[in-house]
């Protein structure tokens, strides 16, 4: 299944590997927990697909709870490094310009659940994808403070994405494989 989606030039199969490795490292029973390898793996996953951003937020909050502010700050830097390196390479190679039309992200819809229901009740919402960031952010913030593990948080973050996002594609369900 992952091979089929990768053949369609979707990076889900690539971001799943470091994300899963980070899960396994962080949720292992090792003591002390491997902060920096986990941060780098989550950062690599984020550099490949932004859906990992909420997981990084949970991870950093978890590091803060378990360790210290300094550890969380250093882990945040480690998590940002793969994305910043990829961004620097991209800018050097291609210059600073938009990757595509911003209209796509603002108006695109596919297989949506909550946006479809809201669209039936409030027609103007069909042209306002950004409003769905509000309920998504509320779910993420709530789970940041109530989830007890990276796995539980990740499952809920993905479920929220599938239910609230205006654009859901079939390959998004591969996120649940880990």
Protein backbone atom coordinates (compact mmCIF):
# COMPACT_ATOMS: atom_id res chain seq x y z
CA UNK A 1 0.00 0.00 0.00
CA UNK A 2 2.76 2.45 0.89
CA UNK A 3 4.59 1.61 -2.35
CA UNK A 4 1.51 2.47 -4.42
CA UNK A 5 1.19 5.88 -2.77
CA UNK A 6 4.92 6.57 -3.08
CA UNK A 7 4.60 5.79 -6.78
CA UNK A 8 2.01 8.56 -6.95
CA UNK A 9 4.67 10.98 -5.63
CA UNK A 10 3.13 11.30 -2.17
CA UNK A 11 5.67 11.62 0.61
CA UNK A 12 3.58 9.80 3.19
CA UNK A 13 5.61 6.63 2.81
CA UNK A 14 8.80 8.59 3.48
CA UNK A 15 7.63 10.57 6.50
CA UNK A 16 6.15 7.46 8.15
CA UNK A 17 9.54 5.80 8.62
CA UNK A 18 11.21 8.48 10.79
CA UNK A 19 7.90 9.20 12.54
CA UNK A 20 7.51 5.53 13.49
CA UNK A 21 11.14 5.30 14.59
CA UNK A 22 10.63 8.36 16.79
CA UNK A 23 7.52 6.78 18.33
CA UNK A 24 9.38 3.57 19.07
CA UNK A 25 12.32 5.41 20.62
CA UNK A 26 10.25 7.77 22.75
CA UNK A 27 7.75 5.17 23.91
CA UNK A 28 10.43 2.57 24.67
CA UNK A 29 11.11 1.71 28.29
CA UNK A 30 14.71 2.94 28.06
CA UNK A 31 15.87 5.22 30.79
CA UNK A 32 16.75 7.97 30.21
CA UNK A 33 14.48 8.55 27.22
CA UNK A 34 16.47 9.25 24.02
CA UNK A 35 15.54 12.92 23.56
CA UNK A 36 17.78 14.05 20.72
CA UNK A 37 17.50 11.06 18.36
CA UNK A 38 13.72 11.28 18.80
CA UNK A 39 13.78 15.02 18.08
CA UNK A 40 15.88 14.55 14.94
CA UNK A 41 13.61 11.78 13.66
CA UNK A 42 10.46 13.84 14.26
CA UNK A 43 12.17 16.79 12.57
CA UNK A 44 13.03 14.66 9.57
CA UNK A 45 9.44 13.46 9.40
CA UNK A 46 8.23 17.08 9.57
CA UNK A 47 10.67 18.11 6.83
CA UNK A 48 9.01 15.52 4.59
CA UNK A 49 5.38 16.24 5.56
CA UNK A 50 4.04 18.96 7.83
CA UNK A 51 1.47 16.67 9.45
CA UNK A 52 4.13 15.80 12.02
CA UNK A 53 4.05 19.35 13.49
CA UNK A 54 1.50 18.57 16.24
CA UNK A 55 3.53 15.49 17.21
CA UNK A 56 6.60 17.67 17.66
CA UNK A 57 4.59 20.03 19.85
CA UNK A 58 3.48 17.13 22.06
CA UNK A 59 6.98 15.69 22.17
CA UNK A 60 8.50 19.02 23.25
CA UNK A 61 5.86 19.46 25.94
CA UNK A 62 6.56 15.91 27.10
CA UNK A 63 10.31 16.66 27.25
CA UNK A 64 9.51 19.77 29.28
CA UNK A 65 7.36 17.71 31.70
CA UNK A 66 9.88 14.88 32.05
CA UNK A 67 13.15 16.80 31.94
CA UNK A 68 13.77 20.55 31.80
CA UNK A 69 13.19 23.72 29.83
CA UNK A 70 16.76 23.57 28.53
CA UNK A 71 16.25 20.00 27.26
CA UNK A 72 13.00 21.01 25.56
CA UNK A 73 14.70 24.02 23.93
CA UNK A 74 17.59 21.91 22.65
CA UNK A 75 15.17 19.23 21.44
CA UNK A 76 13.18 21.93 19.60
CA UNK A 77 16.36 23.07 17.87
CA UNK A 78 17.19 19.46 16.97
CA UNK A 79 13.67 18.92 15.59
CA UNK A 80 13.87 22.13 13.52
CA UNK A 81 17.28 21.32 12.02
CA UNK A 82 16.23 18.86 9.24
CA UNK A 83 13.50 21.24 8.02
CA UNK A 84 15.79 24.28 8.10
CA UNK A 85 18.51 22.40 6.20
CA UNK A 86 16.03 21.24 3.56
CA UNK A 87 14.64 24.77 3.27
CA UNK A 88 18.14 26.24 2.84
CA UNK A 89 18.97 23.73 0.10
CA UNK A 90 15.67 24.49 -1.63
CA UNK A 91 16.24 28.26 -1.51
CA UNK A 92 19.80 27.90 -2.82
CA UNK A 93 18.66 25.65 -5.67
CA UNK A 94 15.39 27.33 -6.65
CA UNK A 95 15.27 30.79 -5.08
CA UNK A 96 12.53 32.28 -2.99
CA UNK A 97 9.17 31.91 -4.74
CA UNK A 98 5.85 30.21 -4.03
CA UNK A 99 5.66 26.50 -4.75
CA UNK A 100 2.17 26.72 -6.18
CA UNK A 101 -1.08 28.55 -6.19
CA UNK A 102 -2.32 29.48 -2.74
CA UNK A 103 -5.89 29.16 -4.05
CA UNK A 104 -5.60 25.38 -3.88
CA UNK A 105 -5.11 25.34 -0.11
CA UNK A 106 -7.78 27.95 0.45
CA UNK A 107 -10.56 26.33 -1.57
CA UNK A 108 -9.69 22.68 -2.34
CA UNK A 109 -12.06 20.03 -1.00
CA UNK A 110 -12.00 16.26 -1.17
CA UNK A 111 -13.63 13.58 0.97
CA UNK A 112 -14.20 16.01 3.82
CA UNK A 113 -16.43 15.15 6.78
CA UNK A 114 -16.98 18.11 9.12
CA UNK A 115 -16.50 20.72 6.36
CA UNK A 116 -19.20 18.97 4.29
CA UNK A 117 -21.68 19.11 7.16
CA UNK A 118 -20.84 22.75 7.93
CA UNK A 119 -21.09 23.57 4.21
CA UNK A 120 -24.64 22.23 4.13
CA UNK A 121 -25.59 24.49 7.04
CA UNK A 122 -23.48 27.54 6.12
CA UNK A 123 -22.79 27.80 2.39
CA UNK A 124 -20.15 30.54 2.71
CA UNK A 125 -17.90 28.12 4.63
CA UNK A 126 -17.27 26.21 1.39
CA UNK A 127 -14.94 29.05 0.36
CA UNK A 128 -13.29 29.41 3.78
CA UNK A 129 -11.10 26.40 4.46
CA UNK A 130 -9.07 28.33 7.02
CA UNK A 131 -11.97 28.40 9.49
CA UNK A 132 -11.46 24.69 10.07
CA UNK A 133 -8.12 25.45 11.68
CA UNK A 134 -10.05 26.68 14.73
CA UNK A 135 -11.69 23.36 15.71
CA UNK A 136 -8.52 21.50 14.73
CA UNK A 137 -6.39 23.78 16.94
CA UNK A 138 -8.84 23.33 19.83
CA UNK A 139 -8.59 19.53 19.60
CA UNK A 140 -4.80 19.66 19.35
CA UNK A 141 -4.40 22.01 22.32
CA UNK A 142 -6.82 19.93 24.40
CA UNK A 143 -4.92 16.71 23.60
CA UNK A 144 -1.53 18.37 24.19
CA UNK A 145 -2.48 18.65 27.84
CA UNK A 146 -4.54 15.47 28.29
CA UNK A 147 -2.78 12.77 26.23
CA UNK A 148 -0.39 10.63 28.23
CA UNK A 149 1.72 9.23 25.39
CA UNK A 150 3.00 10.22 21.96
CA UNK A 151 1.06 7.32 20.46
CA UNK A 152 -2.26 8.37 22.02
CA UNK A 153 -1.69 11.98 21.00
CA UNK A 154 -0.73 10.98 17.43
CA UNK A 155 -3.78 8.80 16.97
CA UNK A 156 -6.07 11.60 18.11
CA UNK A 157 -4.26 14.23 16.02
CA UNK A 158 -4.63 12.08 12.91
CA UNK A 159 -8.28 11.37 13.66
CA UNK A 160 -8.89 15.12 14.09
CA UNK A 161 -7.16 15.76 10.77
CA UNK A 162 -9.29 13.18 8.96
CA UNK A 163 -12.53 14.50 10.44
CA UNK A 164 -11.87 18.24 10.33
CA UNK A 165 -9.68 18.79 7.27
CA UNK A 166 -11.37 20.09 4.10
CA UNK A 167 -9.10 17.87 1.99
CA UNK A 168 -8.66 14.23 2.94
CA UNK A 169 -7.03 11.83 0.50
CA UNK A 170 -7.03 8.03 0.61
CA UNK A 171 -3.31 7.79 1.36
CA UNK A 172 -3.78 9.82 4.58
CA UNK A 173 -5.06 6.63 6.16
CA UNK A 174 -1.58 5.12 5.86
CA UNK A 175 -0.65 7.44 8.74
CA UNK A 176 -2.37 4.95 11.05
CA UNK A 177 -0.10 2.09 10.01
CA UNK A 178 2.53 2.73 12.71
